[in-house]
């Protein structure tokens, strides 16, 4: 069960801020990763970045659906994209901060990302499948970018009414939450 923070919706200022480095290997960062995992699991998603729950540290979690149960979790702290590979291809993406919206987003097919794991050990992620897409999407969140930023301006303009409904829905939900 999530420990008190839910997914922030489009329009929340925290989604547009660049994150500060997290302190790897600390109990605070471990708690953040656990909270991210709890919220991700409750939402049945595949990736979640700290800004999506209102935290400004560079941390994210990924559920790799291609790995066996119990080994799907990947904790990523202070990731850095060091290379891409393959062609830039469209792929339908959604985002927990944009409920119900799905769009084709063009990204490189493969990535090489250096990061630190939850224990503070350096690690490298190399993937050319779904996890490559997920990590690029979540790393965008850490830099204050959203998946709609990858859409052409005319598409974002047409999307404006739906984005307004998402924001209004989040405000109504926030208004109803207990103090």
Protein backbone atom coordinates (compact mmCIF):
# COMPACT_ATOMS: atom_id res chain seq x y z
CA UNK A 1 0.00 0.00 0.00
CA UNK A 2 1.35 3.44 -0.84
CA UNK A 3 2.79 5.33 2.11
CA UNK A 4 0.71 8.47 1.68
CA UNK A 5 1.68 9.93 -1.69
CA UNK A 6 -0.16 9.25 -4.90
CA UNK A 7 0.64 9.96 -8.52
CA UNK A 8 0.67 13.67 -9.38
CA UNK A 9 -1.36 14.58 -12.46
CA UNK A 10 -0.53 16.85 -15.36
CA UNK A 11 -0.49 20.48 -14.27
CA UNK A 12 1.25 19.84 -10.97
CA UNK A 13 4.37 22.05 -10.89
CA UNK A 14 6.57 19.23 -9.56
CA UNK A 15 6.32 17.48 -12.93
CA UNK A 16 8.11 20.36 -14.67
CA UNK A 17 11.07 20.73 -12.29
CA UNK A 18 14.47 19.18 -12.88
CA UNK A 19 15.45 16.91 -10.01
CA UNK A 20 18.47 17.12 -7.73
CA UNK A 21 20.76 14.13 -7.24
CA UNK A 22 19.65 11.52 -4.73
CA UNK A 23 22.03 10.18 -2.09
CA UNK A 24 22.55 6.54 -3.05
CA UNK A 25 22.79 3.87 -0.41
CA UNK A 26 21.01 5.92 2.28
CA UNK A 27 17.90 4.85 4.21
CA UNK A 28 16.07 7.92 2.88
CA UNK A 29 16.70 6.94 -0.73
CA UNK A 30 15.76 3.33 0.01
CA UNK A 31 12.47 4.56 1.51
CA UNK A 32 11.82 6.68 -1.58
CA UNK A 33 12.46 3.70 -3.88
CA UNK A 34 10.14 1.53 -1.79
CA UNK A 35 7.44 4.19 -1.89
CA UNK A 36 7.82 4.52 -5.66
CA UNK A 37 7.49 0.76 -6.00
CA UNK A 38 4.40 0.67 -3.78
CA UNK A 39 2.70 3.43 -5.79
CA UNK A 40 3.74 1.83 -9.10
CA UNK A 41 2.41 -1.56 -8.01
CA UNK A 42 -0.89 -0.09 -6.80
CA UNK A 43 -1.29 1.66 -10.18
CA UNK A 44 -0.24 -1.47 -12.11
CA UNK A 45 2.29 0.55 -14.09
CA UNK A 46 5.70 -0.27 -15.57
CA UNK A 47 7.69 2.80 -14.50
CA UNK A 48 7.51 5.66 -12.04
CA UNK A 49 9.86 8.58 -11.34
CA UNK A 50 10.17 10.52 -8.08
CA UNK A 51 8.60 13.77 -9.38
CA UNK A 52 5.42 11.83 -10.11
CA UNK A 53 4.89 11.50 -6.36
CA UNK A 54 6.11 15.02 -5.61
CA UNK A 55 9.73 14.23 -4.72
CA UNK A 56 12.61 16.15 -6.33
CA UNK A 57 15.31 13.46 -6.16
CA UNK A 58 16.72 11.65 -9.21
CA UNK A 59 15.27 8.22 -8.58
CA UNK A 60 12.94 5.92 -10.47
CA UNK A 61 11.68 2.37 -10.47
CA UNK A 62 10.92 0.09 -13.41
CA UNK A 63 8.92 -3.11 -13.61
CA UNK A 64 10.46 -5.30 -16.30
CA UNK A 65 7.55 -7.47 -17.45
CA UNK A 66 9.91 -9.78 -19.35
CA UNK A 67 11.64 -10.96 -16.16
CA UNK A 68 10.22 -13.65 -13.87
CA UNK A 69 7.93 -12.66 -11.00
CA UNK A 70 9.91 -11.54 -7.98
CA UNK A 71 12.77 -10.30 -10.16
CA UNK A 72 10.97 -7.61 -12.16
CA UNK A 73 11.91 -4.64 -9.98
CA UNK A 74 14.71 -2.33 -11.05
CA UNK A 75 15.72 0.55 -8.73
CA UNK A 76 17.56 3.35 -10.55
CA UNK A 77 19.26 6.24 -8.73
CA UNK A 78 20.92 9.20 -10.50
CA UNK A 79 20.68 7.73 -14.01
CA UNK A 80 22.74 9.13 -16.85
CA UNK A 81 22.09 8.32 -20.50
CA UNK A 82 25.48 7.53 -22.02
CA UNK A 83 24.37 6.23 -25.39
CA UNK A 84 21.57 5.23 -27.68
CA UNK A 85 21.43 2.68 -30.45
CA UNK A 86 19.21 1.53 -33.25
CA UNK A 87 16.72 3.57 -35.19
CA UNK A 88 14.40 6.15 -33.67
CA UNK A 89 11.04 4.41 -33.71
CA UNK A 90 7.48 5.28 -32.68
CA UNK A 91 5.93 3.35 -29.81
CA UNK A 92 2.66 3.92 -28.01
CA UNK A 93 3.32 5.36 -24.56
CA UNK A 94 1.07 6.23 -21.69
CA UNK A 95 1.84 7.90 -18.39
CA UNK A 96 0.37 7.53 -14.92
CA UNK A 97 0.35 11.34 -14.66
CA UNK A 98 -1.89 11.46 -17.77
CA UNK A 99 -4.59 8.86 -17.09
CA UNK A 100 -6.22 7.52 -20.22
CA UNK A 101 -3.88 9.20 -22.72
CA UNK A 102 -1.73 7.16 -25.08
CA UNK A 103 0.37 8.49 -27.97
CA UNK A 104 3.05 7.30 -30.31
CA UNK A 105 6.33 8.79 -29.16
CA UNK A 106 9.52 8.54 -31.22
CA UNK A 107 12.61 7.48 -29.25
CA UNK A 108 15.81 5.55 -29.94
CA UNK A 109 15.24 1.80 -29.82
CA UNK A 110 18.19 1.06 -27.52
CA UNK A 111 19.91 2.74 -24.59
CA UNK A 112 22.92 2.49 -22.35
CA UNK A 113 22.31 4.10 -18.95
CA UNK A 114 24.74 4.36 -16.05
CA UNK A 115 23.17 4.61 -12.61
CA UNK A 116 23.57 3.62 -9.00
CA UNK A 117 21.44 0.87 -7.46
CA UNK A 118 19.61 1.06 -4.13
CA UNK A 119 22.72 -0.09 -2.24
CA UNK A 120 24.94 2.58 -3.80
CA UNK A 121 26.74 0.30 -6.26
CA UNK A 122 27.41 1.55 -9.80
CA UNK A 123 25.41 -0.27 -12.47
CA UNK A 124 24.75 -0.18 -16.20
CA UNK A 125 21.48 -0.80 -18.00
CA UNK A 126 21.65 -1.79 -21.66
CA UNK A 127 18.41 -2.61 -23.39
CA UNK A 128 16.84 -2.42 -26.83
CA UNK A 129 13.30 -3.38 -25.91
CA UNK A 130 10.50 -2.22 -23.66
CA UNK A 131 12.80 -1.35 -20.74
CA UNK A 132 14.72 1.05 -23.02
CA UNK A 133 11.43 2.88 -23.66
CA UNK A 134 10.47 2.90 -20.01
CA UNK A 135 13.81 4.24 -18.76
CA UNK A 136 13.84 7.03 -21.37
CA UNK A 137 10.29 8.05 -20.41
CA UNK A 138 11.08 8.04 -16.67
CA UNK A 139 14.40 9.87 -17.13
CA UNK A 140 12.48 12.59 -18.98
CA UNK A 141 10.44 13.05 -15.78
CA UNK A 142 13.65 13.59 -13.81
CA UNK A 143 14.49 16.48 -16.14
CA UNK A 144 11.02 18.06 -16.03
CA UNK A 145 10.02 16.78 -19.47
CA UNK A 146 6.75 15.01 -20.18
CA UNK A 147 5.83 12.56 -22.92
CA UNK A 148 3.51 15.14 -24.49
CA UNK A 149 6.59 17.33 -25.08
CA UNK A 150 7.58 14.82 -27.78
CA UNK A 151 4.39 15.53 -29.73
CA UNK A 152 4.23 18.11 -32.50
CA UNK A 153 2.83 21.51 -31.42
CA UNK A 154 -0.38 21.07 -33.43
CA UNK A 155 -1.06 17.78 -31.64
CA UNK A 156 -0.52 19.36 -28.20
CA UNK A 157 -2.84 22.20 -29.19
CA UNK A 158 -5.59 19.72 -30.12
CA UNK A 159 -4.94 17.90 -26.88
CA UNK A 160 -5.47 21.01 -24.70
CA UNK A 161 -9.11 20.26 -23.72
CA UNK A 162 -8.24 16.74 -22.55
CA UNK A 163 -5.27 18.04 -20.58
CA UNK A 164 -7.55 20.56 -18.91
CA UNK A 165 -9.90 17.75 -17.87
CA UNK A 166 -7.00 15.78 -16.39
CA UNK A 167 -5.86 18.82 -14.42
CA UNK A 168 -9.37 19.66 -13.22
CA UNK A 169 -9.93 16.04 -12.20
CA UNK A 170 -6.72 16.10 -10.17
CA UNK A 171 -7.74 19.33 -8.46
CA UNK A 172 -11.17 17.93 -7.57
CA UNK A 173 -9.56 14.73 -6.26
CA UNK A 174 -7.04 16.74 -4.21
CA UNK A 175 -9.89 18.82 -2.77
CA UNK A 176 -11.61 15.63 -1.60
CA UNK A 177 -8.58 14.06 0.04
CA UNK A 178 -8.40 14.12 3.84
CA UNK A 179 -6.20 16.72 5.48
